[in-house]
Amino acid sequence: MTADSAKSPWRLALLCALALGVCVLLGVEASRASQEMRSLHGELQSQRIQHDRLLAEHSRLLLERAALASHRSVDLLAEQQLGMRFPQTVGSLGDRRGLGGKGD
């Protein structure tokens, strides 16, 4: 038996142990990466929900702004083109039965 042949089983055992260690490390890293991917996916889902909520709020605000703008434009048209003015005081007309209705 030579010295090289005596070292050969130890080298083989060392290489097997090294390969096993690398496989274990790769497995742990794959598990960590998978967990991180699940975590990022959950965060993405919550960001999408928030994005959808903010987009819906933005749409509502745009509609509200358009409604306010249309009332304003109607007021401006009435004032500028038709010469209409909003009355200084607003009162009730009261009971209209005595103003030529069927009850007279």
PDB file of N, CA and C in Angstrom:
ATOM      1  N   MET A   1       0.842  -1.166   0.000  1.00  0.00           N
ATOM      2  CA  MET A   1       0.000   0.000   0.000  1.00  0.00           C
ATOM      3  C   MET A   1       0.891   1.234   0.000  1.00  0.00           C
ATOM      4  N   THR A   2       0.582   2.142  -0.869  1.00  0.00           N
ATOM      5  CA  THR A   2       1.377   3.359  -0.972  1.00  0.00           C
ATOM      6  C   THR A   2       0.734   4.451  -0.164  1.00  0.00           C
ATOM      7  N   ALA A   3       1.442   5.545  -0.023  1.00  0.00           N
ATOM      8  CA  ALA A   3       0.928   6.677   0.750  1.00  0.00           C
ATOM      9  C   ALA A   3      -0.234   7.338   0.039  1.00  0.00           C
ATOM     10  N   ASP A   4      -0.208   7.362  -1.299  1.00  0.00           N
ATOM     11  CA  ASP A   4      -1.297   7.975  -2.066  1.00  0.00           C
ATOM     12  C   ASP A   4      -2.591   7.190  -1.929  1.00  0.00           C
ATOM     13  N   SER A   5      -2.469   5.874  -1.923  1.00  0.00           N
ATOM     14  CA  SER A   5      -3.676   5.064  -1.811  1.00  0.00           C
ATOM     15  C   SER A   5      -4.264   5.152  -0.412  1.00  0.00           C
ATOM     16  N   ALA A   6      -3.451   5.394   0.609  1.00  0.00           N
ATOM     17  CA  ALA A   6      -3.965   5.548   1.972  1.00  0.00           C
ATOM     18  C   ALA A   6      -4.684   6.889   2.131  1.00  0.00           C
ATOM     19  N   LYS A   7      -4.237   7.921   1.421  1.00  0.00           N
ATOM     20  CA  LYS A   7      -4.879   9.237   1.513  1.00  0.00           C
ATOM     21  C   LYS A   7      -6.152   9.314   0.670  1.00  0.00           C
ATOM     22  N   SER A   8      -6.259   8.444  -0.303  1.00  0.00           N
ATOM     23  CA  SER A   8      -7.378   8.494  -1.234  1.00  0.00           C
ATOM     24  C   SER A   8      -8.731   8.353  -0.543  1.00  0.00           C
ATOM     25  N   PRO A   9      -8.965   7.425   0.389  1.00  0.00           N
ATOM     26  CA  PRO A   9     -10.280   7.349   1.038  1.00  0.00           C
ATOM     27  C   PRO A   9     -10.587   8.606   1.851  1.00  0.00           C
ATOM     28  N   TRP A  10      -9.590   9.210   2.459  1.00  0.00           N
ATOM     29  CA  TRP A  10      -9.815  10.434   3.215  1.00  0.00           C
ATOM     30  C   TRP A  10     -10.173  11.594   2.285  1.00  0.00           C
ATOM     31  N   ARG A  11      -9.509  11.634   1.164  1.00  0.00           N
ATOM     32  CA  ARG A  11      -9.832  12.683   0.179  1.00  0.00           C
ATOM     33  C   ARG A  11     -11.254  12.510  -0.330  1.00  0.00           C
ATOM     34  N   LEU A  12     -11.599  11.273  -0.602  1.00  0.00           N
ATOM     35  CA  LEU A  12     -12.950  10.996  -1.095  1.00  0.00           C
ATOM     36  C   LEU A  12     -13.988  11.369  -0.036  1.00  0.00           C
ATOM     37  N   ALA A  13     -13.704  11.028   1.219  1.00  0.00           N
ATOM     38  CA  ALA A  13     -14.635  11.366   2.301  1.00  0.00           C
ATOM     39  C   ALA A  13     -14.727  12.886   2.467  1.00  0.00           C
ATOM     40  N   LEU A  14     -13.586  13.547   2.365  1.00  0.00           N
ATOM     41  CA  LEU A  14     -13.571  15.004   2.476  1.00  0.00           C
ATOM     42  C   LEU A  14     -14.344  15.654   1.333  1.00  0.00           C
ATOM     43  N   LEU A  15     -14.160  15.159   0.118  1.00  0.00           N
ATOM     44  CA  LEU A  15     -14.900  15.685  -1.032  1.00  0.00           C
ATOM     45  C   LEU A  15     -16.403  15.444  -0.887  1.00  0.00           C
ATOM     46  N   CYS A  16     -16.769  14.267  -0.388  1.00  0.00           N
ATOM     47  CA  CYS A  16     -18.203  13.968  -0.176  1.00  0.00           C
ATOM     48  C   CYS A  16     -18.793  14.895   0.886  1.00  0.00           C
ATOM     49  N   ALA A  17     -18.037  15.110   1.966  1.00  0.00           N
ATOM     50  CA  ALA A  17     -18.511  15.998   3.020  1.00  0.00           C
ATOM     51  C   ALA A  17     -18.635  17.425   2.500  1.00  0.00           C
ATOM     52  N   LEU A  18     -17.658  17.830   1.703  1.00  0.00           N
ATOM     53  CA  LEU A  18     -17.703  19.168   1.115  1.00  0.00           C
ATOM     54  C   LEU A  18     -18.898  19.318   0.173  1.00  0.00           C
ATOM     55  N   ALA A  19     -19.145  18.303  -0.643  1.00  0.00           N
ATOM     56  CA  ALA A  19     -20.284  18.332  -1.568  1.00  0.00           C
ATOM     57  C   ALA A  19     -21.595  18.355  -0.790  1.00  0.00           C
ATOM     58  N   LEU A  20     -21.655  17.569   0.288  1.00  0.00           N
ATOM     59  CA  LEU A  20     -22.864  17.561   1.119  1.00  0.00           C
ATOM     60  C   LEU A  20     -23.073  18.928   1.769  1.00  0.00           C
ATOM     61  N   GLY A  21     -22.012  19.538   2.245  1.00  0.00           N
ATOM     62  CA  GLY A  21     -22.110  20.872   2.847  1.00  0.00           C
ATOM     63  C   GLY A  21     -22.590  21.899   1.847  1.00  0.00           C
ATOM     64  N   VAL A  22     -22.068  21.841   0.634  1.00  0.00           N
ATOM     65  CA  VAL A  22     -22.504  22.773  -0.416  1.00  0.00           C
ATOM     66  C   VAL A  22     -23.985  22.564  -0.724  1.00  0.00           C
ATOM     67  N   CYS A  23     -24.394  21.292  -0.796  1.00  0.00           N
ATOM     68  CA  CYS A  23     -25.819  21.007  -1.062  1.00  0.00           C
ATOM     69  C   CYS A  23     -26.705  21.546   0.053  1.00  0.00           C
ATOM     70  N   VAL A  24     -26.274  21.389   1.304  1.00  0.00           N
ATOM     71  CA  VAL A  24     -27.056  21.901   2.423  1.00  0.00           C
ATOM     72  C   VAL A  24     -27.138  23.425   2.353  1.00  0.00           C
ATOM     73  N   LEU A  25     -26.017  24.080   2.095  1.00  0.00           N
ATOM     74  CA  LEU A  25     -26.021  25.538   1.986  1.00  0.00           C
ATOM     75  C   LEU A  25     -26.911  26.010   0.845  1.00  0.00           C
ATOM     76  N   LEU A  26     -26.847  25.336  -0.285  1.00  0.00           N
ATOM     77  CA  LEU A  26     -27.704  25.700  -1.410  1.00  0.00           C
ATOM     78  C   LEU A  26     -29.181  25.500  -1.069  1.00  0.00           C
ATOM     79  N   GLY A  27     -29.489  24.445  -0.334  1.00  0.00           N
ATOM     80  CA  GLY A  27     -30.871  24.198   0.073  1.00  0.00           C
ATOM     81  C   GLY A  27     -31.372  25.280   1.024  1.00  0.00           C
ATOM     82  N   VAL A  28     -30.523  25.660   1.974  1.00  0.00           N
ATOM     83  CA  VAL A  28     -30.901  26.719   2.910  1.00  0.00           C
ATOM     84  C   VAL A  28     -31.102  28.041   2.159  1.00  0.00           C
ATOM     85  N   GLU A  29     -30.215  28.337   1.221  1.00  0.00           N
ATOM     86  CA  GLU A  29     -30.338  29.577   0.443  1.00  0.00           C
ATOM     87  C   GLU A  29     -31.599  29.553  -0.424  1.00  0.00           C
ATOM     88  N   ALA A  30     -31.922  28.412  -1.004  1.00  0.00           N
ATOM     89  CA  ALA A  30     -33.141  28.307  -1.808  1.00  0.00           C
ATOM     90  C   ALA A  30     -34.374  28.510  -0.934  1.00  0.00           C
ATOM     91  N   SER A  31     -34.353  27.963   0.268  1.00  0.00           N
ATOM     92  CA  SER A  31     -35.465  28.144   1.191  1.00  0.00           C
ATOM     93  C   SER A  31     -35.601  29.607   1.591  1.00  0.00           C
ATOM     94  N   ARG A  32     -34.483  30.281   1.875  1.00  0.00           N
ATOM     95  CA  ARG A  32     -34.513  31.690   2.237  1.00  0.00           C
ATOM     96  C   ARG A  32     -35.039  32.534   1.085  1.00  0.00           C
ATOM     97  N   ALA A  33     -34.569  32.233  -0.135  1.00  0.00           N
ATOM     98  CA  ALA A  33     -35.013  32.984  -1.312  1.00  0.00           C
ATOM     99  C   ALA A  33     -36.512  32.775  -1.552  1.00  0.00           C
ATOM    100  N   SER A  34     -36.990  31.555  -1.307  1.00  0.00           N
ATOM    101  CA  SER A  34     -38.416  31.277  -1.480  1.00  0.00           C
ATOM    102  C   SER A  34     -39.241  32.056  -0.456  1.00  0.00           C
ATOM    103  N   GLN A  35     -38.772  32.106   0.783  1.00  0.00           N
ATOM    104  CA  GLN A  35     -39.471  32.871   1.810  1.00  0.00           C
ATOM    105  C   GLN A  35     -39.484  34.362   1.469  1.00  0.00           C
ATOM    106  N   GLU A  36     -38.362  34.863   0.990  1.00  0.00           N
ATOM    107  CA  GLU A  36     -38.296  36.275   0.597  1.00  0.00           C
ATOM    108  C   GLU A  36     -39.248  36.557  -0.555  1.00  0.00           C
ATOM    109  N   MET A  37     -39.341  35.635  -1.495  1.00  0.00           N
ATOM    110  CA  MET A  37     -40.256  35.800  -2.636  1.00  0.00           C
ATOM    111  C   MET A  37     -41.702  35.856  -2.161  1.00  0.00           C
ATOM    112  N   ARG A  38     -42.069  34.989  -1.204  1.00  0.00           N
ATOM    113  CA  ARG A  38     -43.431  35.019  -0.657  1.00  0.00           C
ATOM    114  C   ARG A  38     -43.692  36.334   0.058  1.00  0.00           C
ATOM    115  N   SER A  39     -42.709  36.791   0.800  1.00  0.00           N
ATOM    116  CA  SER A  39     -42.853  38.057   1.512  1.00  0.00           C
ATOM    117  C   SER A  39     -43.029  39.218   0.537  1.00  0.00           C
ATOM    118  N   LEU A  40     -42.214  39.250  -0.513  1.00  0.00           N
ATOM    119  CA  LEU A  40     -42.329  40.318  -1.508  1.00  0.00           C
ATOM    120  C   LEU A  40     -43.652  40.247  -2.259  1.00  0.00           C
ATOM    121  N   HIS A  41     -44.133  39.028  -2.497  1.00  0.00           N
ATOM    122  CA  HIS A  41     -45.416  38.882  -3.179  1.00  0.00           C
ATOM    123  C   HIS A  41     -46.539  39.440  -2.302  1.00  0.00           C
ATOM    124  N   GLY A  42     -46.489  39.160  -1.007  1.00  0.00           N
ATOM    125  CA  GLY A  42     -47.494  39.706  -0.093  1.00  0.00           C
ATOM    126  C   GLY A  42     -47.448  41.224  -0.061  1.00  0.00           C
ATOM    127  N   GLU A  43     -46.245  41.785  -0.044  1.00  0.00           N
ATOM    128  CA  GLU A  43     -46.107  43.241  -0.054  1.00  0.00           C
ATOM    129  C   GLU A  43     -46.638  43.828  -1.360  1.00  0.00           C
ATOM    130  N   LEU A  44     -46.364  43.145  -2.470  1.00  0.00           N
ATOM    131  CA  LEU A  44     -46.876  43.602  -3.760  1.00  0.00           C
ATOM    132  C   LEU A  44     -48.399  43.604  -3.762  1.00  0.00           C
ATOM    133  N   GLN A  45     -49.007  42.570  -3.204  1.00  0.00           N
ATOM    134  CA  GLN A  45     -50.468  42.507  -3.153  1.00  0.00           C
ATOM    135  C   GLN A  45     -51.030  43.670  -2.335  1.00  0.00           C
ATOM    136  N   SER A  46     -50.416  43.959  -1.193  1.00  0.00           N
ATOM    137  CA  SER A  46     -50.925  45.063  -0.376  1.00  0.00           C
ATOM    138  C   SER A  46     -50.714  46.398  -1.083  1.00  0.00           C
ATOM    139  N   GLN A  47     -49.623  46.548  -1.817  1.00  0.00           N
ATOM    140  CA  GLN A  47     -49.391  47.782  -2.574  1.00  0.00           C
ATOM    141  C   GLN A  47     -50.410  47.919  -3.703  1.00  0.00           C
ATOM    142  N   ARG A  48     -50.758  46.810  -4.330  1.00  0.00           N
ATOM    143  CA  ARG A  48     -51.781  46.851  -5.389  1.00  0.00           C
ATOM    144  C   ARG A  48     -53.132  47.271  -4.826  1.00  0.00           C
ATOM    145  N   ILE A  49     -53.471  46.736  -3.654  1.00  0.00           N
ATOM    146  CA  ILE A  49     -54.744  47.101  -3.021  1.00  0.00           C
ATOM    147  C   ILE A  49     -54.751  48.593  -2.706  1.00  0.00           C
ATOM    148  N   GLN A  50     -53.659  49.089  -2.142  1.00  0.00           N
ATOM    149  CA  GLN A  50     -53.571  50.514  -1.833  1.00  0.00           C
ATOM    150  C   GLN A  50     -53.624  51.353  -3.112  1.00  0.00           C
ATOM    151  N   HIS A  51     -52.965  50.888  -4.172  1.00  0.00           N
ATOM    152  CA  HIS A  51     -52.990  51.602  -5.449  1.00  0.00           C
ATOM    153  C   HIS A  51     -54.410  51.682  -5.993  1.00  0.00           C
ATOM    154  N   ASP A  52     -55.126  50.562  -5.942  1.00  0.00           N
ATOM    155  CA  ASP A  52     -56.502  50.550  -6.433  1.00  0.00           C
ATOM    156  C   ASP A  52     -57.387  51.490  -5.613  1.00  0.00           C
ATOM    157  N   ARG A  53     -57.191  51.503  -4.284  1.00  0.00           N
ATOM    158  CA  ARG A  53     -57.983  52.381  -3.415  1.00  0.00           C
ATOM    159  C   ARG A  53     -57.685  53.844  -3.734  1.00  0.00           C
ATOM    160  N   LEU A  54     -56.401  54.164  -3.907  1.00  0.00           N
ATOM    161  CA  LEU A  54     -56.037  55.550  -4.217  1.00  0.00           C
ATOM    162  C   LEU A  54     -56.515  55.958  -5.608  1.00  0.00           C
ATOM    163  N   LEU A  55     -56.490  55.032  -6.550  1.00  0.00           N
ATOM    164  CA  LEU A  55     -56.981  55.326  -7.892  1.00  0.00           C
ATOM    165  C   LEU A  55     -58.485  55.591  -7.878  1.00  0.00           C
ATOM    166  N   ALA A  56     -59.221  54.809  -7.088  1.00  0.00           N
ATOM    167  CA  ALA A  56     -60.668  55.036  -6.974  1.00  0.00           C
ATOM    168  C   ALA A  56     -60.939  56.394  -6.328  1.00  0.00           C
ATOM    169  N   GLU A  57     -60.168  56.736  -5.299  1.00  0.00           N
ATOM    170  CA  GLU A  57     -60.340  58.047  -4.652  1.00  0.00           C
ATOM    171  C   GLU A  57     -60.010  59.167  -5.633  1.00  0.00           C
ATOM    172  N   HIS A  58     -58.965  58.992  -6.427  1.00  0.00           N
ATOM    173  CA  HIS A  58     -58.588  59.995  -7.430  1.00  0.00           C
ATOM    174  C   HIS A  58     -59.723  60.189  -8.437  1.00  0.00           C
ATOM    175  N   SER A  59     -60.320  59.085  -8.875  1.00  0.00           N
ATOM    176  CA  SER A  59     -61.435  59.179  -9.826  1.00  0.00           C
ATOM    177  C   SER A  59     -62.616  59.918  -9.210  1.00  0.00           C
ATOM    178  N   ARG A  60     -62.925  59.608  -7.939  1.00  0.00           N
ATOM    179  CA  ARG A  60     -64.019  60.320  -7.273  1.00  0.00           C
ATOM    180  C   ARG A  60     -63.724  61.813  -7.166  1.00  0.00           C
ATOM    181  N   LEU A  61     -62.480  62.143  -6.855  1.00  0.00           N
ATOM    182  CA  LEU A  61     -62.115  63.560  -6.743  1.00  0.00           C
ATOM    183  C   LEU A  61     -62.191  64.268  -8.089  1.00  0.00           C
ATOM    184  N   LEU A  62     -61.798  63.582  -9.154  1.00  0.00           N
ATOM    185  CA  LEU A  62     -61.922  64.180 -10.492  1.00  0.00           C
ATOM    186  C   LEU A  62     -63.378  64.438 -10.844  1.00  0.00           C
ATOM    187  N   LEU A  63     -64.248  63.476 -10.511  1.00  0.00           N
ATOM    188  CA  LEU A  63     -65.680  63.673 -10.777  1.00  0.00           C
ATOM    189  C   LEU A  63     -66.236  64.824  -9.948  1.00  0.00           C
ATOM    190  N   GLU A  64     -65.809  64.897  -8.689  1.00  0.00           N
ATOM    191  CA  GLU A  64     -66.276  65.987  -7.838  1.00  0.00           C
ATOM    192  C   GLU A  64     -65.795  67.329  -8.370  1.00  0.00           C
ATOM    193  N   ARG A  65     -64.555  67.383  -8.811  1.00  0.00           N
ATOM    194  CA  ARG A  65     -64.023  68.632  -9.371  1.00  0.00           C
ATOM    195  C   ARG A  65     -64.787  69.022 -10.632  1.00  0.00           C
ATOM    196  N   ALA A  66     -65.101  68.034 -11.469  1.00  0.00           N
ATOM    197  CA  ALA A  66     -65.861  68.321 -12.686  1.00  0.00           C
ATOM    198  C   ALA A  66     -67.262  68.826 -12.344  1.00  0.00           C
ATOM    199  N   ALA A  67     -67.870  68.242 -11.320  1.00  0.00           N
ATOM    200  CA  ALA A  67     -69.215  68.695 -10.926  1.00  0.00           C
ATOM    201  C   ALA A  67     -69.165  70.124 -10.407  1.00  0.00           C
ATOM    202  N   LEU A  68     -68.166  70.418  -9.590  1.00  0.00           N
ATOM    203  CA  LEU A  68     -68.048  71.788  -9.077  1.00  0.00           C
ATOM    204  C   LEU A  68     -67.761  72.771 -10.200  1.00  0.00           C
ATOM    205  N   ALA A  69     -66.939  72.361 -11.126  1.00  0.00           N
ATOM    206  CA  ALA A  69     -66.615  73.246 -12.249  1.00  0.00           C
ATOM    207  C   ALA A  69     -67.848  73.505 -13.099  1.00  0.00           C
ATOM    208  N   SER A  70     -68.688  72.498 -13.262  1.00  0.00           N
ATOM    209  CA  SER A  70     -69.868  72.711 -14.097  1.00  0.00           C
ATOM    210  C   SER A  70     -70.847  73.661 -13.410  1.00  0.00           C
ATOM    211  N   HIS A  71     -71.010  73.574 -12.098  1.00  0.00           N
ATOM    212  CA  HIS A  71     -71.879  74.516 -11.383  1.00  0.00           C
ATOM    213  C   HIS A  71     -71.320  75.928 -11.496  1.00  0.00           C
ATOM    214  N   ARG A  72     -70.022  76.031 -11.355  1.00  0.00           N
ATOM    215  CA  ARG A  72     -69.389  77.342 -11.468  1.00  0.00           C
ATOM    216  C   ARG A  72     -69.577  77.912 -12.873  1.00  0.00           C
ATOM    217  N   SER A  73     -69.407  77.074 -13.863  1.00  0.00           N
ATOM    218  CA  SER A  73     -69.551  77.576 -15.234  1.00  0.00           C
ATOM    219  C   SER A  73     -70.995  77.987 -15.518  1.00  0.00           C
ATOM    220  N   VAL A  74     -71.958  77.271 -14.952  1.00  0.00           N
ATOM    221  CA  VAL A  74     -73.357  77.654 -15.124  1.00  0.00           C
ATOM    222  C   VAL A  74     -73.614  79.006 -14.450  1.00  0.00           C
ATOM    223  N   ASP A  75     -73.063  79.174 -13.242  1.00  0.00           N
ATOM    224  CA  ASP A  75     -73.221  80.464 -12.554  1.00  0.00           C
ATOM    225  C   ASP A  75     -72.599  81.603 -13.369  1.00  0.00           C
ATOM    226  N   LEU A  76     -71.405  81.362 -13.886  1.00  0.00           N
ATOM    227  CA  LEU A  76     -70.749  82.407 -14.681  1.00  0.00           C
ATOM    228  C   LEU A  76     -71.523  82.724 -15.944  1.00  0.00           C
ATOM    229  N   LEU A  77     -72.015  81.701 -16.620  1.00  0.00           N
ATOM    230  CA  LEU A  77     -72.825  81.922 -17.822  1.00  0.00           C
ATOM    231  C   LEU A  77     -74.072  82.737 -17.479  1.00  0.00           C
ATOM    232  N   ALA A  78     -74.731  82.393 -16.379  1.00  0.00           N
ATOM    233  CA  ALA A  78     -75.948  83.109 -15.989  1.00  0.00           C
ATOM    234  C   ALA A  78     -75.632  84.570 -15.680  1.00  0.00           C
ATOM    235  N   GLU A  79     -74.533  84.802 -15.010  1.00  0.00           N
ATOM    236  CA  GLU A  79     -74.195  86.180 -14.657  1.00  0.00           C
ATOM    237  C   GLU A  79     -73.723  86.984 -15.862  1.00  0.00           C
ATOM    238  N   GLN A  80     -72.816  86.421 -16.647  1.00  0.00           N
ATOM    239  CA  GLN A  80     -72.182  87.193 -17.722  1.00  0.00           C
ATOM    240  C   GLN A  80     -73.051  87.308 -18.971  1.00  0.00           C
ATOM    241  N   GLN A  81     -73.643  86.215 -19.405  1.00  0.00           N
ATOM    242  CA  GLN A  81     -74.377  86.257 -20.666  1.00  0.00           C
ATOM    243  C   GLN A  81     -75.848  86.617 -20.491  1.00  0.00           C
ATOM    244  N   LEU A  82     -76.441  86.244 -19.365  1.00  0.00           N
ATOM    245  CA  LEU A  82     -77.864  86.500 -19.182  1.00  0.00           C
ATOM    246  C   LEU A  82     -78.130  87.635 -18.199  1.00  0.00           C
ATOM    247  N   GLY A  83     -77.095  88.128 -17.546  1.00  0.00           N
ATOM    248  CA  GLY A  83     -77.261  89.225 -16.611  1.00  0.00           C
ATOM    249  C   GLY A  83     -77.997  88.834 -15.334  1.00  0.00           C
ATOM    250  N   MET A  84     -78.028  87.584 -15.012  1.00  0.00           N
ATOM    251  CA  MET A  84     -78.728  87.123 -13.811  1.00  0.00           C
ATOM    252  C   MET A  84     -77.818  87.290 -12.600  1.00  0.00           C
ATOM    253  N   ARG A  85     -78.432  87.579 -11.485  1.00  0.00           N
ATOM    254  CA  ARG A  85     -77.711  87.720 -10.215  1.00  0.00           C
ATOM    255  C   ARG A  85     -78.411  86.886  -9.154  1.00  0.00           C
ATOM    256  N   PHE A  86     -77.639  86.347  -8.237  1.00  0.00           N
ATOM    257  CA  PHE A  86     -78.218  85.608  -7.115  1.00  0.00           C
ATOM    258  C   PHE A  86     -78.789  86.625  -6.139  1.00  0.00           C
ATOM    259  N   PRO A  87     -80.011  86.425  -5.648  1.00  0.00           N
ATOM    260  CA  PRO A  87     -80.628  87.417  -4.749  1.00  0.00           C
ATOM    261  C   PRO A  87     -79.843  87.548  -3.438  1.00  0.00           C
ATOM    262  N   GLN A  88     -79.886  88.745  -2.875  1.00  0.00           N
ATOM    263  CA  GLN A  88     -79.178  89.000  -1.622  1.00  0.00           C
ATOM    264  C   GLN A  88     -79.847  88.259  -0.468  1.00  0.00           C
ATOM    265  N   THR A  89     -81.187  88.225  -0.486  1.00  0.00           N
ATOM    266  CA  THR A  89     -81.919  87.504   0.559  1.00  0.00           C
ATOM    267  C   THR A  89     -82.812  86.477  -0.099  1.00  0.00           C
ATOM    268  N   VAL A  90     -82.974  85.379   0.569  1.00  0.00           N
ATOM    269  CA  VAL A  90     -83.823  84.312   0.053  1.00  0.00           C
ATOM    270  C   VAL A  90     -84.924  84.091   1.072  1.00  0.00           C
ATOM    271  N   GLY A  91     -86.154  84.158   0.621  1.00  0.00           N
ATOM    272  CA  GLY A  91     -87.285  83.979   1.531  1.00  0.00           C
ATOM    273  C   GLY A  91     -88.257  82.960   0.989  1.00  0.00           C
ATOM    274  N   SER A  92     -89.230  82.622   1.785  1.00  0.00           N
ATOM    275  CA  SER A  92     -90.249  81.659   1.399  1.00  0.00           C
ATOM    276  C   SER A  92     -91.412  82.406   0.747  1.00  0.00           C
ATOM    277  N   LEU A  93     -92.067  81.787  -0.214  1.00  0.00           N
ATOM    278  CA  LEU A  93     -93.225  82.392  -0.864  1.00  0.00           C
ATOM    279  C   LEU A  93     -94.480  82.210  -0.023  1.00  0.00           C
ATOM    280  N   GLY A  94     -94.394  81.369   0.964  1.00  0.00           N
ATOM    281  CA  GLY A  94     -95.540  81.173   1.857  1.00  0.00           C
ATOM    282  C   GLY A  94     -96.612  80.325   1.208  1.00  0.00           C
ATOM    283  N   ASP A  95     -97.833  80.517   1.645  1.00  0.00           N
ATOM    284  CA  ASP A  95     -98.964  79.758   1.145  1.00  0.00           C
ATOM    285  C   ASP A  95     -99.417  80.356  -0.179  1.00  0.00           C
ATOM    286  N   ARG A  96     -99.386  79.599  -1.254  1.00  0.00           N
ATOM    287  CA  ARG A  96     -99.697  80.107  -2.590  1.00  0.00           C
ATOM    288  C   ARG A  96    -101.156  79.874  -2.962  1.00  0.00           C
ATOM    289  N   ARG A  97    -102.007  79.396  -2.107  1.00  0.00           N
ATOM    290  CA  ARG A  97    -103.390  79.090  -2.433  1.00  0.00           C
ATOM    291  C   ARG A  97    -104.191  80.359  -2.768  1.00  0.00           C
ATOM    292  N   GLY A  98    -103.850  81.449  -2.193  1.00  0.00           N
ATOM    293  CA  GLY A  98    -104.617  82.691  -2.416  1.00  0.00           C
ATOM    294  C   GLY A  98    -104.135  83.467  -3.645  1.00  0.00           C
ATOM    295  N   LEU A  99    -103.275  82.880  -4.463  1.00  0.00           N
ATOM    296  CA  LEU A  99    -102.712  83.608  -5.606  1.00  0.00           C
ATOM    297  C   LEU A  99    -103.336  83.144  -6.908  1.00  0.00           C
ATOM    298  N   GLY A 100    -104.591  82.888  -6.938  1.00  0.00           N
ATOM    299  CA  GLY A 100    -105.277  82.539  -8.188  1.00  0.00           C
ATOM    300  C   GLY A 100    -105.295  81.055  -8.465  1.00  0.00           C
ATOM    301  N   GLY A 101    -105.157  80.261  -7.444  1.00  0.00           N
ATOM    302  CA  GLY A 101    -105.223  78.827  -7.640  1.00  0.00           C
ATOM    303  C   GLY A 101    -106.640  78.346  -7.717  1.00  0.00           C
ATOM    304  N   LYS A 102    -106.858  77.068  -7.724  1.00  0.00           N
ATOM    305  CA  LYS A 102    -108.198  76.487  -7.864  1.00  0.00           C
ATOM    306  C   LYS A 102    -109.084  76.813  -6.661  1.00  0.00           C
ATOM    307  N   GLY A 103    -108.518  77.068  -5.535  1.00  0.00           N
ATOM    308  CA  GLY A 103    -109.298  77.325  -4.319  1.00  0.00           C
ATOM    309  C   GLY A 103    -109.950  78.698  -4.314  1.00  0.00           C
ATOM    310  N   ASP A 104    -109.674  79.595  -5.227  1.00  0.00           N
ATOM    311  CA  ASP A 104    -110.224  80.954  -5.220  1.00  0.00           C
ATOM    312  C   ASP A 104    -111.617  81.004  -5.744  1.00  0.00           C
TER     313      ASP A 104
END
